[in-house]
Amino acid sequence: MNSSLRQETPQTLDVLDASTAQTVQSRDVAVKILLAGGYEYSLTLKSDAALLRSLIGAFLARTQGKTENFLFQIPIDDGQSSLCFTSEHLVGLITNPPLMVRRQGNTTDGTSSLS
């Protein structure tokens, strides 16, 4: 593992509108969670939701060579069920509108697109 890699946490990421590169004001975002084995689950989250930032943070951690796994327990069906998976099974995220992430306070470095 490269010790020079900076660990991204949900608190250190800005969620940006991919079309304007501006910080997204709180609004609904359709999110499709892609899981290993071809499984997927769609839900709607607010663009400033802690869960969205956690999903992005877990996905980015894997791209930086981090091996820690996190458990996601997401209430679904109006709280009658829950979707549970570990971050190692998170393959991708599709968002509508398209979002980008950037380290807070950084205007150029570390920007990644999610769509």
PDB file of N, CA and C in Angstrom:
ATOM      1  N   MET A   1       0.835  -1.177   0.000  1.00  0.00           N
ATOM      2  CA  MET A   1       0.000   0.000   0.000  1.00  0.00           C
ATOM      3  C   MET A   1       0.885   1.246   0.000  1.00  0.00           C
ATOM      4  N   ASN A   2       0.529   2.222  -0.781  1.00  0.00           N
ATOM      5  CA  ASN A   2       1.288   3.456  -0.881  1.00  0.00           C
ATOM      6  C   ASN A   2       0.878   4.383   0.253  1.00  0.00           C
ATOM      7  N   SER A   3       1.797   4.678   1.172  1.00  0.00           N
ATOM      8  CA  SER A   3       1.461   5.493   2.336  1.00  0.00           C
ATOM      9  C   SER A   3       1.246   6.948   1.980  1.00  0.00           C
ATOM     10  N   SER A   4       1.578   7.370   0.762  1.00  0.00           N
ATOM     11  CA  SER A   4       1.375   8.760   0.380  1.00  0.00           C
ATOM     12  C   SER A   4      -0.048   9.036  -0.089  1.00  0.00           C
ATOM     13  N   LEU A   5      -0.860   7.990  -0.232  1.00  0.00           N
ATOM     14  CA  LEU A   5      -2.240   8.193  -0.648  1.00  0.00           C
ATOM     15  C   LEU A   5      -3.045   8.796   0.489  1.00  0.00           C
ATOM     16  N   ARG A   6      -3.825   9.787   0.168  1.00  0.00           N
ATOM     17  CA  ARG A   6      -4.653  10.454   1.169  1.00  0.00           C
ATOM     18  C   ARG A   6      -6.003   9.754   1.249  1.00  0.00           C
ATOM     19  N   GLN A   7      -6.411   9.410   2.460  1.00  0.00           N
ATOM     20  CA  GLN A   7      -7.693   8.736   2.624  1.00  0.00           C
ATOM     21  C   GLN A   7      -8.811   9.754   2.550  1.00  0.00           C
ATOM     22  N   GLU A   8      -9.786   9.478   1.704  1.00  0.00           N
ATOM     23  CA  GLU A   8     -10.943  10.346   1.587  1.00  0.00           C
ATOM     24  C   GLU A   8     -12.009   9.866   2.560  1.00  0.00           C
ATOM     25  N   THR A   9     -12.604  10.791   3.274  1.00  0.00           N
ATOM     26  CA  THR A   9     -13.714  10.481   4.153  1.00  0.00           C
ATOM     27  C   THR A   9     -14.905  11.299   3.685  1.00  0.00           C
ATOM     28  N   PRO A  10     -16.113  10.894   4.057  1.00  0.00           N
ATOM     29  CA  PRO A  10     -17.284  11.647   3.620  1.00  0.00           C
ATOM     30  C   PRO A  10     -17.200  13.134   3.981  1.00  0.00           C
ATOM     31  N   GLN A  11     -16.541  13.471   5.080  1.00  0.00           N
ATOM     32  CA  GLN A  11     -16.465  14.860   5.509  1.00  0.00           C
ATOM     33  C   GLN A  11     -15.485  15.682   4.681  1.00  0.00           C
ATOM     34  N   THR A  12     -14.582  15.046   3.935  1.00  0.00           N
ATOM     35  CA  THR A  12     -13.579  15.787   3.174  1.00  0.00           C
ATOM     36  C   THR A  12     -13.931  15.886   1.693  1.00  0.00           C
ATOM     37  N   LEU A  13     -15.140  15.500   1.309  1.00  0.00           N
ATOM     38  CA  LEU A  13     -15.538  15.510  -0.088  1.00  0.00           C
ATOM     39  C   LEU A  13     -16.646  16.517  -0.342  1.00  0.00           C
ATOM     40  N   ASP A  14     -16.524  17.265  -1.441  1.00  0.00           N
ATOM     41  CA  ASP A  14     -17.597  18.111  -1.946  1.00  0.00           C
ATOM     42  C   ASP A  14     -18.284  17.351  -3.063  1.00  0.00           C
ATOM     43  N   VAL A  15     -19.604  17.420  -3.122  1.00  0.00           N
ATOM     44  CA  VAL A  15     -20.359  16.833  -4.219  1.00  0.00           C
ATOM     45  C   VAL A  15     -20.709  17.972  -5.164  1.00  0.00           C
ATOM     46  N   LEU A  16     -20.311  17.817  -6.434  1.00  0.00           N
ATOM     47  CA  LEU A  16     -20.469  18.869  -7.424  1.00  0.00           C
ATOM     48  C   LEU A  16     -21.394  18.435  -8.550  1.00  0.00           C
ATOM     49  N   ASP A  17     -22.092  19.397  -9.134  1.00  0.00           N
ATOM     50  CA  ASP A  17     -22.860  19.167 -10.352  1.00  0.00           C
ATOM     51  C   ASP A  17     -21.853  19.032 -11.489  1.00  0.00           C
ATOM     52  N   ALA A  18     -21.872  17.923 -12.202  1.00  0.00           N
ATOM     53  CA  ALA A  18     -20.878  17.679 -13.251  1.00  0.00           C
ATOM     54  C   ALA A  18     -20.978  18.672 -14.399  1.00  0.00           C
ATOM     55  N   SER A  19     -22.157  19.245 -14.621  1.00  0.00           N
ATOM     56  CA  SER A  19     -22.310  20.168 -15.747  1.00  0.00           C
ATOM     57  C   SER A  19     -21.782  21.562 -15.437  1.00  0.00           C
ATOM     58  N   THR A  20     -21.737  21.940 -14.148  1.00  0.00           N
ATOM     59  CA  THR A  20     -21.293  23.291 -13.792  1.00  0.00           C
ATOM     60  C   THR A  20     -20.053  23.306 -12.911  1.00  0.00           C
ATOM     61  N   ALA A  21     -19.671  22.165 -12.360  1.00  0.00           N
ATOM     62  CA  ALA A  21     -18.549  22.044 -11.413  1.00  0.00           C
ATOM     63  C   ALA A  21     -18.757  22.919 -10.184  1.00  0.00           C
ATOM     64  N   GLN A  22     -20.017  23.184  -9.852  1.00  0.00           N
ATOM     65  CA  GLN A  22     -20.363  23.953  -8.657  1.00  0.00           C
ATOM     66  C   GLN A  22     -20.906  23.004  -7.598  1.00  0.00           C
ATOM     67  N   THR A  23     -20.705  23.364  -6.334  1.00  0.00           N
ATOM     68  CA  THR A  23     -21.245  22.557  -5.246  1.00  0.00           C
ATOM     69  C   THR A  23     -22.754  22.446  -5.400  1.00  0.00           C
ATOM     70  N   VAL A  24     -23.260  21.239  -5.259  1.00  0.00           N
ATOM     71  CA  VAL A  24     -24.683  20.971  -5.439  1.00  0.00           C
ATOM     72  C   VAL A  24     -25.444  21.422  -4.200  1.00  0.00           C
ATOM     73  N   GLN A  25     -26.489  22.207  -4.427  1.00  0.00           N
ATOM     74  CA  GLN A  25     -27.402  22.541  -3.341  1.00  0.00           C
ATOM     75  C   GLN A  25     -28.242  21.294  -3.069  1.00  0.00           C
ATOM     76  N   SER A  26     -28.775  21.192  -1.883  1.00  0.00           N
ATOM     77  CA  SER A  26     -29.539  20.008  -1.516  1.00  0.00           C
ATOM     78  C   SER A  26     -30.705  19.792  -2.483  1.00  0.00           C
ATOM     79  N   ARG A  27     -30.652  18.648  -3.169  1.00  0.00           N
ATOM     80  CA  ARG A  27     -31.727  18.273  -4.087  1.00  0.00           C
ATOM     81  C   ARG A  27     -31.722  16.764  -4.240  1.00  0.00           C
ATOM     82  N   ASP A  28     -32.788  16.242  -4.806  1.00  0.00           N
ATOM     83  CA  ASP A  28     -32.893  14.804  -4.991  1.00  0.00           C
ATOM     84  C   ASP A  28     -31.944  14.322  -6.086  1.00  0.00           C
ATOM     85  N   VAL A  29     -31.303  13.188  -5.801  1.00  0.00           N
ATOM     86  CA  VAL A  29     -30.404  12.550  -6.754  1.00  0.00           C
ATOM     87  C   VAL A  29     -30.814  11.083  -6.855  1.00  0.00           C
ATOM     88  N   ALA A  30     -31.069  10.633  -8.074  1.00  0.00           N
ATOM     89  CA  ALA A  30     -31.339   9.205  -8.290  1.00  0.00           C
ATOM     90  C   ALA A  30     -29.993   8.489  -8.280  1.00  0.00           C
ATOM     91  N   VAL A  31     -29.871   7.493  -7.415  1.00  0.00           N
ATOM     92  CA  VAL A  31     -28.609   6.768  -7.264  1.00  0.00           C
ATOM     93  C   VAL A  31     -28.861   5.292  -7.540  1.00  0.00           C
ATOM     94  N   LYS A  32     -28.080   4.728  -8.427  1.00  0.00           N
ATOM     95  CA  LYS A  32     -28.121   3.288  -8.663  1.00  0.00           C
ATOM     96  C   LYS A  32     -26.832   2.730  -8.085  1.00  0.00           C
ATOM     97  N   ILE A  33     -26.976   1.841  -7.116  1.00  0.00           N
ATOM     98  CA  ILE A  33     -25.838   1.190  -6.472  1.00  0.00           C
ATOM     99  C   ILE A  33     -25.566  -0.103  -7.233  1.00  0.00           C
ATOM    100  N   LEU A  34     -24.361  -0.228  -7.782  1.00  0.00           N
ATOM    101  CA  LEU A  34     -23.966  -1.421  -8.524  1.00  0.00           C
ATOM    102  C   LEU A  34     -23.116  -2.305  -7.619  1.00  0.00           C
ATOM    103  N   LEU A  35     -23.553  -3.536  -7.444  1.00  0.00           N
ATOM    104  CA  LEU A  35     -22.880  -4.466  -6.545  1.00  0.00           C
ATOM    105  C   LEU A  35     -22.280  -5.630  -7.329  1.00  0.00           C
ATOM    106  N   ALA A  36     -21.293  -6.272  -6.732  1.00  0.00           N
ATOM    107  CA  ALA A  36     -20.656  -7.438  -7.336  1.00  0.00           C
ATOM    108  C   ALA A  36     -21.712  -8.484  -7.675  1.00  0.00           C
ATOM    109  N   GLY A  37     -21.466  -9.219  -8.739  1.00  0.00           N
ATOM    110  CA  GLY A  37     -22.400 -10.254  -9.158  1.00  0.00           C
ATOM    111  C   GLY A  37     -23.503  -9.726 -10.059  1.00  0.00           C
ATOM    112  N   GLY A  38     -23.425  -8.444 -10.434  1.00  0.00           N
ATOM    113  CA  GLY A  38     -24.434  -7.870 -11.320  1.00  0.00           C
ATOM    114  C   GLY A  38     -25.668  -7.352 -10.619  1.00  0.00           C
ATOM    115  N   TYR A  39     -25.658  -7.329  -9.301  1.00  0.00           N
ATOM    116  CA  TYR A  39     -26.807  -6.825  -8.557  1.00  0.00           C
ATOM    117  C   TYR A  39     -26.793  -5.306  -8.560  1.00  0.00           C
ATOM    118  N   GLU A  40     -27.987  -4.723  -8.553  1.00  0.00           N
ATOM    119  CA  GLU A  40     -28.089  -3.274  -8.480  1.00  0.00           C
ATOM    120  C   GLU A  40     -29.345  -2.892  -7.710  1.00  0.00           C
ATOM    121  N   TYR A  41     -29.288  -1.725  -7.108  1.00  0.00           N
ATOM    122  CA  TYR A  41     -30.431  -1.229  -6.360  1.00  0.00           C
ATOM    123  C   TYR A  41     -30.524   0.270  -6.571  1.00  0.00           C
ATOM    124  N   SER A  42     -31.718   0.759  -6.849  1.00  0.00           N
ATOM    125  CA  SER A  42     -31.921   2.184  -7.093  1.00  0.00           C
ATOM    126  C   SER A  42     -32.654   2.823  -5.927  1.00  0.00           C
ATOM    127  N   LEU A  43     -32.233   4.027  -5.590  1.00  0.00           N
ATOM    128  CA  LEU A  43     -32.899   4.794  -4.556  1.00  0.00           C
ATOM    129  C   LEU A  43     -32.677   6.273  -4.826  1.00  0.00           C
ATOM    130  N   THR A  44     -33.432   7.100  -4.137  1.00  0.00           N
ATOM    131  CA  THR A  44     -33.296   8.545  -4.255  1.00  0.00           C
ATOM    132  C   THR A  44     -32.754   9.079  -2.940  1.00  0.00           C
ATOM    133  N   LEU A  45     -31.691   9.873  -3.050  1.00  0.00           N
ATOM    134  CA  LEU A  45     -31.072  10.480  -1.882  1.00  0.00           C
ATOM    135  C   LEU A  45     -30.949  11.978  -2.113  1.00  0.00           C
ATOM    136  N   LYS A  46     -30.845  12.730  -1.044  1.00  0.00           N
ATOM    137  CA  LYS A  46     -30.528  14.147  -1.148  1.00  0.00           C
ATOM    138  C   LYS A  46     -29.049  14.262  -1.484  1.00  0.00           C
ATOM    139  N   SER A  47     -28.694  15.252  -2.272  1.00  0.00           N
ATOM    140  CA  SER A  47     -27.303  15.409  -2.705  1.00  0.00           C
ATOM    141  C   SER A  47     -26.351  15.656  -1.541  1.00  0.00           C
ATOM    142  N   ASP A  48     -26.862  16.129  -0.416  1.00  0.00           N
ATOM    143  CA  ASP A  48     -26.007  16.360   0.752  1.00  0.00           C
ATOM    144  C   ASP A  48     -26.162  15.276   1.819  1.00  0.00           C
ATOM    145  N   ALA A  49     -26.779  14.147   1.455  1.00  0.00           N
ATOM    146  CA  ALA A  49     -27.012  13.062   2.418  1.00  0.00           C
ATOM    147  C   ALA A  49     -25.699  12.392   2.830  1.00  0.00           C
ATOM    148  N   ALA A  50     -25.596  12.101   4.107  1.00  0.00           N
ATOM    149  CA  ALA A  50     -24.408  11.423   4.627  1.00  0.00           C
ATOM    150  C   ALA A  50     -24.214  10.067   3.941  1.00  0.00           C
ATOM    151  N   LEU A  51     -25.298   9.372   3.621  1.00  0.00           N
ATOM    152  CA  LEU A  51     -25.189   8.067   2.959  1.00  0.00           C
ATOM    153  C   LEU A  51     -24.542   8.206   1.583  1.00  0.00           C
ATOM    154  N   LEU A  52     -24.924   9.202   0.808  1.00  0.00           N
ATOM    155  CA  LEU A  52     -24.323   9.400  -0.508  1.00  0.00           C
ATOM    156  C   LEU A  52     -22.835   9.673  -0.370  1.00  0.00           C
ATOM    157  N   ARG A  53     -22.454  10.516   0.577  1.00  0.00           N
ATOM    158  CA  ARG A  53     -21.036  10.805   0.801  1.00  0.00           C
ATOM    159  C   ARG A  53     -20.284   9.552   1.258  1.00  0.00           C
ATOM    160  N   SER A  54     -20.925   8.724   2.080  1.00  0.00           N
ATOM    161  CA  SER A  54     -20.288   7.493   2.546  1.00  0.00           C
ATOM    162  C   SER A  54     -20.083   6.498   1.408  1.00  0.00           C
ATOM    163  N   LEU A  55     -21.082   6.374   0.534  1.00  0.00           N
ATOM    164  CA  LEU A  55     -20.944   5.487  -0.621  1.00  0.00           C
ATOM    165  C   LEU A  55     -19.800   5.955  -1.518  1.00  0.00           C
ATOM    166  N   ILE A  56     -19.760   7.240  -1.790  1.00  0.00           N
ATOM    167  CA  ILE A  56     -18.694   7.793  -2.628  1.00  0.00           C
ATOM    168  C   ILE A  56     -17.340   7.606  -1.947  1.00  0.00           C
ATOM    169  N   GLY A  57     -17.276   7.885  -0.649  1.00  0.00           N
ATOM    170  CA  GLY A  57     -16.025   7.738   0.091  1.00  0.00           C
ATOM    171  C   GLY A  57     -15.514   6.312   0.090  1.00  0.00           C
ATOM    172  N   ALA A  58     -16.418   5.344   0.261  1.00  0.00           N
ATOM    173  CA  ALA A  58     -16.022   3.934   0.253  1.00  0.00           C
ATOM    174  C   ALA A  58     -15.524   3.523  -1.124  1.00  0.00           C
ATOM    175  N   PHE A  59     -16.206   3.995  -2.154  1.00  0.00           N
ATOM    176  CA  PHE A  59     -15.799   3.671  -3.519  1.00  0.00           C
ATOM    177  C   PHE A  59     -14.432   4.283  -3.833  1.00  0.00           C
ATOM    178  N   LEU A  60     -14.233   5.526  -3.452  1.00  0.00           N
ATOM    179  CA  LEU A  60     -12.951   6.188  -3.703  1.00  0.00           C
ATOM    180  C   LEU A  60     -11.819   5.556  -2.907  1.00  0.00           C
ATOM    181  N   ALA A  61     -12.107   5.090  -1.692  1.00  0.00           N
ATOM    182  CA  ALA A  61     -11.070   4.441  -0.884  1.00  0.00           C
ATOM    183  C   ALA A  61     -10.502   3.233  -1.617  1.00  0.00           C
ATOM    184  N   ARG A  62     -11.364   2.481  -2.278  1.00  0.00           N
ATOM    185  CA  ARG A  62     -10.890   1.312  -3.039  1.00  0.00           C
ATOM    186  C   ARG A  62     -10.018   1.734  -4.204  1.00  0.00           C
ATOM    187  N   THR A  63     -10.326   2.862  -4.840  1.00  0.00           N
ATOM    188  CA  THR A  63      -9.509   3.310  -5.969  1.00  0.00           C
ATOM    189  C   THR A  63      -8.146   3.793  -5.495  1.00  0.00           C
ATOM    190  N   GLN A  64      -8.004   4.062  -4.204  1.00  0.00           N
ATOM    191  CA  GLN A  64      -6.735   4.508  -3.634  1.00  0.00           C
ATOM    192  C   GLN A  64      -5.973   3.377  -2.960  1.00  0.00           C
ATOM    193  N   GLY A  65      -6.433   2.148  -3.153  1.00  0.00           N
ATOM    194  CA  GLY A  65      -5.727   1.001  -2.611  1.00  0.00           C
ATOM    195  C   GLY A  65      -6.049   0.676  -1.163  1.00  0.00           C
ATOM    196  N   LYS A  66      -7.064   1.288  -0.600  1.00  0.00           N
ATOM    197  CA  LYS A  66      -7.445   0.992   0.786  1.00  0.00           C
ATOM    198  C   LYS A  66      -8.130  -0.364   0.825  1.00  0.00           C
ATOM    199  N   THR A  67      -7.877  -1.120   1.892  1.00  0.00           N
ATOM    200  CA  THR A  67      -8.445  -2.467   1.992  1.00  0.00           C
ATOM    201  C   THR A  67      -9.505  -2.588   3.086  1.00  0.00           C
ATOM    202  N   GLU A  68      -9.773  -1.516   3.803  1.00  0.00           N
ATOM    203  CA  GLU A  68     -10.804  -1.567   4.842  1.00  0.00           C
ATOM    204  C   GLU A  68     -12.168  -1.795   4.208  1.00  0.00           C
ATOM    205  N   ASN A  69     -13.005  -2.570   4.884  1.00  0.00           N
ATOM    206  CA  ASN A  69     -14.374  -2.796   4.427  1.00  0.00           C
ATOM    207  C   ASN A  69     -15.338  -2.185   5.425  1.00  0.00           C
ATOM    208  N   PHE A  70     -16.410  -1.628   4.886  1.00  0.00           N
ATOM    209  CA  PHE A  70     -17.429  -1.008   5.701  1.00  0.00           C
ATOM    210  C   PHE A  70     -18.759  -1.692   5.435  1.00  0.00           C
ATOM    211  N   LEU A  71     -19.585  -1.754   6.445  1.00  0.00           N
ATOM    212  CA  LEU A  71     -20.917  -2.322   6.301  1.00  0.00           C
ATOM    213  C   LEU A  71     -21.911  -1.208   6.023  1.00  0.00           C
ATOM    214  N   PHE A  72     -22.676  -1.364   4.958  1.00  0.00           N
ATOM    215  CA  PHE A  72     -23.767  -0.443   4.659  1.00  0.00           C
ATOM    216  C   PHE A  72     -25.069  -1.132   5.017  1.00  0.00           C
ATOM    217  N   GLN A  73     -25.921  -0.442   5.751  1.00  0.00           N
ATOM    218  CA  GLN A  73     -27.255  -0.913   6.103  1.00  0.00           C
ATOM    219  C   GLN A  73     -28.206   0.214   5.734  1.00  0.00           C
ATOM    220  N   ILE A  74     -28.878   0.056   4.608  1.00  0.00           N
ATOM    221  CA  ILE A  74     -29.692   1.126   4.049  1.00  0.00           C
ATOM    222  C   ILE A  74     -31.167   0.767   4.188  1.00  0.00           C
ATOM    223  N   PRO A  75     -31.922   1.576   4.934  1.00  0.00           N
ATOM    224  CA  PRO A  75     -33.364   1.314   5.042  1.00  0.00           C
ATOM    225  C   PRO A  75     -34.041   1.493   3.680  1.00  0.00           C
ATOM    226  N   ILE A  76     -34.888   0.554   3.314  1.00  0.00           N
ATOM    227  CA  ILE A  76     -35.645   0.633   2.058  1.00  0.00           C
ATOM    228  C   ILE A  76     -37.106   0.303   2.344  1.00  0.00           C
ATOM    229  N   ASP A  77     -37.941   0.469   1.341  1.00  0.00           N
ATOM    230  CA  ASP A  77     -39.377   0.151   1.466  1.00  0.00           C
ATOM    231  C   ASP A  77     -39.984   0.844   2.670  1.00  0.00           C
ATOM    232  N   ASP A  78     -39.760   2.154   2.757  1.00  0.00           N
ATOM    233  CA  ASP A  78     -40.294   2.963   3.871  1.00  0.00           C
ATOM    234  C   ASP A  78     -39.909   2.409   5.236  1.00  0.00           C
ATOM    235  N   GLY A  79     -38.685   1.898   5.342  1.00  0.00           N
ATOM    236  CA  GLY A  79     -38.179   1.395   6.611  1.00  0.00           C
ATOM    237  C   GLY A  79     -38.628  -0.009   6.960  1.00  0.00           C
ATOM    238  N   GLN A  80     -39.337  -0.664   6.058  1.00  0.00           N
ATOM    239  CA  GLN A  80     -39.821  -2.017   6.327  1.00  0.00           C
ATOM    240  C   GLN A  80     -38.773  -3.087   6.033  1.00  0.00           C
ATOM    241  N   SER A  81     -37.735  -2.724   5.271  1.00  0.00           N
ATOM    242  CA  SER A  81     -36.665  -3.648   4.901  1.00  0.00           C
ATOM    243  C   SER A  81     -35.353  -2.880   4.936  1.00  0.00           C
ATOM    244  N   SER A  82     -34.264  -3.615   4.790  1.00  0.00           N
ATOM    245  CA  SER A  82     -32.978  -2.936   4.664  1.00  0.00           C
ATOM    246  C   SER A  82     -32.100  -3.677   3.664  1.00  0.00           C
ATOM    247  N   LEU A  83     -31.295  -2.895   2.975  1.00  0.00           N
ATOM    248  CA  LEU A  83     -30.311  -3.411   2.040  1.00  0.00           C
ATOM    249  C   LEU A  83     -28.971  -3.393   2.761  1.00  0.00           C
ATOM    250  N   CYS A  84     -28.353  -4.545   2.927  1.00  0.00           N
ATOM    251  CA  CYS A  84     -27.074  -4.647   3.640  1.00  0.00           C
ATOM    252  C   CYS A  84     -26.017  -5.236   2.707  1.00  0.00           C
ATOM    253  N   PHE A  85     -24.854  -4.602   2.682  1.00  0.00           N
ATOM    254  CA  PHE A  85     -23.724  -5.101   1.903  1.00  0.00           C
ATOM    255  C   PHE A  85     -22.456  -4.470   2.451  1.00  0.00           C
ATOM    256  N   THR A  86     -21.331  -5.091   2.157  1.00  0.00           N
ATOM    257  CA  THR A  86     -20.057  -4.519   2.568  1.00  0.00           C
ATOM    258  C   THR A  86     -19.466  -3.731   1.409  1.00  0.00           C
ATOM    259  N   SER A  87     -18.608  -2.786   1.747  1.00  0.00           N
ATOM    260  CA  SER A  87     -18.033  -1.907   0.730  1.00  0.00           C
ATOM    261  C   SER A  87     -17.213  -2.677  -0.303  1.00  0.00           C
ATOM    262  N   GLU A  88     -16.704  -3.854   0.056  1.00  0.00           N
ATOM    263  CA  GLU A  88     -15.940  -4.631  -0.926  1.00  0.00           C
ATOM    264  C   GLU A  88     -16.809  -5.088  -2.087  1.00  0.00           C
ATOM    265  N   HIS A  89     -18.128  -5.116  -1.909  1.00  0.00           N
ATOM    266  CA  HIS A  89     -19.043  -5.528  -2.970  1.00  0.00           C
ATOM    267  C   HIS A  89     -19.553  -4.350  -3.794  1.00  0.00           C
ATOM    268  N   LEU A  90     -19.187  -3.136  -3.422  1.00  0.00           N
ATOM    269  CA  LEU A  90     -19.598  -1.951  -4.164  1.00  0.00           C
ATOM    270  C   LEU A  90     -18.744  -1.833  -5.424  1.00  0.00           C
ATOM    271  N   VAL A  91     -19.390  -1.947  -6.586  1.00  0.00           N
ATOM    272  CA  VAL A  91     -18.687  -1.919  -7.863  1.00  0.00           C
ATOM    273  C   VAL A  91     -18.749  -0.524  -8.484  1.00  0.00           C
ATOM    274  N   GLY A  92     -19.859   0.165  -8.316  1.00  0.00           N
ATOM    275  CA  GLY A  92     -19.998   1.483  -8.926  1.00  0.00           C
ATOM    276  C   GLY A  92     -21.254   2.187  -8.470  1.00  0.00           C
ATOM    277  N   LEU A  93     -21.340   3.453  -8.845  1.00  0.00           N
ATOM    278  CA  LEU A  93     -22.509   4.278  -8.563  1.00  0.00           C
ATOM    279  C   LEU A  93     -22.893   5.005  -9.841  1.00  0.00           C
ATOM    280  N   ILE A  94     -24.170   5.034 -10.143  1.00  0.00           N
ATOM    281  CA  ILE A  94     -24.684   5.826 -11.248  1.00  0.00           C
ATOM    282  C   ILE A  94     -25.599   6.870 -10.631  1.00  0.00           C
ATOM    283  N   THR A  95     -25.368   8.139 -10.968  1.00  0.00           N
ATOM    284  CA  THR A  95     -26.176   9.213 -10.401  1.00  0.00           C
ATOM    285  C   THR A  95     -26.850  10.010 -11.506  1.00  0.00           C
ATOM    286  N   ASN A  96     -28.045  10.479 -11.212  1.00  0.00           N
ATOM    287  CA  ASN A  96     -28.777  11.356 -12.108  1.00  0.00           C
ATOM    288  C   ASN A  96     -29.416  12.444 -11.260  1.00  0.00           C
ATOM    289  N   PRO A  97     -28.952  13.679 -11.377  1.00  0.00           N
ATOM    290  CA  PRO A  97     -28.014  14.201 -12.361  1.00  0.00           C
ATOM    291  C   PRO A  97     -26.601  13.701 -12.094  1.00  0.00           C
ATOM    292  N   PRO A  98     -25.731  13.785 -13.119  1.00  0.00           N
ATOM    293  CA  PRO A  98     -24.345  13.347 -12.941  1.00  0.00           C
ATOM    294  C   PRO A  98     -23.642  14.205 -11.891  1.00  0.00           C
ATOM    295  N   LEU A  99     -22.887  13.544 -11.031  1.00  0.00           N
ATOM    296  CA  LEU A  99     -22.167  14.241  -9.976  1.00  0.00           C
ATOM    297  C   LEU A  99     -20.672  14.011 -10.125  1.00  0.00           C
ATOM    298  N   MET A 100     -19.899  14.932  -9.564  1.00  0.00           N
ATOM    299  CA  MET A 100     -18.454  14.787  -9.443  1.00  0.00           C
ATOM    300  C   MET A 100     -18.129  14.991  -7.975  1.00  0.00           C
ATOM    301  N   VAL A 101     -17.009  14.481  -7.542  1.00  0.00           N
ATOM    302  CA  VAL A 101     -16.559  14.716  -6.170  1.00  0.00           C
ATOM    303  C   VAL A 101     -15.205  15.384  -6.205  1.00  0.00           C
ATOM    304  N   ARG A 102     -14.944  16.158  -5.164  1.00  0.00           N
ATOM    305  CA  ARG A 102     -13.677  16.872  -5.056  1.00  0.00           C
ATOM    306  C   ARG A 102     -13.374  17.027  -3.570  1.00  0.00           C
ATOM    307  N   ARG A 103     -12.096  16.986  -3.226  1.00  0.00           N
ATOM    308  CA  ARG A 103     -11.711  17.264  -1.846  1.00  0.00           C
ATOM    309  C   ARG A 103     -12.182  18.661  -1.486  1.00  0.00           C
ATOM    310  N   GLN A 104     -12.705  18.840  -0.281  1.00  0.00           N
ATOM    311  CA  GLN A 104     -13.159  20.158   0.139  1.00  0.00           C
ATOM    312  C   GLN A 104     -12.018  21.153   0.082  1.00  0.00           C
ATOM    313  N   GLY A 105     -12.322  22.350  -0.391  1.00  0.00           N
ATOM    314  CA  GLY A 105     -11.330  23.406  -0.455  1.00  0.00           C
ATOM    315  C   GLY A 105     -10.366  23.286  -1.618  1.00  0.00           C
ATOM    316  N   ASN A 106     -10.590  22.325  -2.499  1.00  0.00           N
ATOM    317  CA  ASN A 106      -9.681  22.100  -3.626  1.00  0.00           C
ATOM    318  C   ASN A 106     -10.448  22.368  -4.915  1.00  0.00           C
ATOM    319  N   THR A 107      -9.945  23.236  -5.759  1.00  0.00           N
ATOM    320  CA  THR A 107     -10.687  23.584  -6.964  1.00  0.00           C
ATOM    321  C   THR A 107     -10.262  22.800  -8.195  1.00  0.00           C
ATOM    322  N   THR A 108      -9.110  22.113  -8.149  1.00  0.00           N
ATOM    323  CA  THR A 108      -8.699  21.367  -9.338  1.00  0.00           C
ATOM    324  C   THR A 108      -8.288  19.941  -9.033  1.00  0.00           C
ATOM    325  N   ASP A 109      -7.504  19.710  -7.990  1.00  0.00           N
ATOM    326  CA  ASP A 109      -6.933  18.398  -7.707  1.00  0.00           C
ATOM    327  C   ASP A 109      -7.958  17.453  -7.120  1.00  0.00           C
ATOM    328  N   GLY A 110      -7.914  16.208  -7.552  1.00  0.00           N
ATOM    329  CA  GLY A 110      -8.729  15.168  -6.918  1.00  0.00           C
ATOM    330  C   GLY A 110     -10.167  15.115  -7.382  1.00  0.00           C
ATOM    331  N   THR A 111     -10.507  15.733  -8.494  1.00  0.00           N
ATOM    332  CA  THR A 111     -11.876  15.698  -8.979  1.00  0.00           C
ATOM    333  C   THR A 111     -12.111  14.395  -9.731  1.00  0.00           C
ATOM    334  N   SER A 112     -13.201  13.723  -9.382  1.00  0.00           N
ATOM    335  CA  SER A 112     -13.563  12.474 -10.034  1.00  0.00           C
ATOM    336  C   SER A 112     -15.019  12.564 -10.447  1.00  0.00           C
ATOM    337  N   SER A 113     -15.345  12.034 -11.602  1.00  0.00           N
ATOM    338  CA  SER A 113     -16.703  12.081 -12.096  1.00  0.00           C
ATOM    339  C   SER A 113     -17.446  10.798 -11.733  1.00  0.00           C
ATOM    340  N   LEU A 114     -18.694  10.950 -11.339  1.00  0.00           N
ATOM    341  CA  LEU A 114     -19.603   9.818 -11.113  1.00  0.00           C
ATOM    342  C   LEU A 114     -20.789  10.028 -12.016  1.00  0.00           C
ATOM    343  N   SER A 115     -21.127   9.057 -12.819  1.00  0.00           N
ATOM    344  CA  SER A 115     -22.301   9.194 -13.666  1.00  0.00           C
ATOM    345  C   SER A 115     -22.884   7.844 -13.964  1.00  0.00           C
TER     346      SER A 115
END
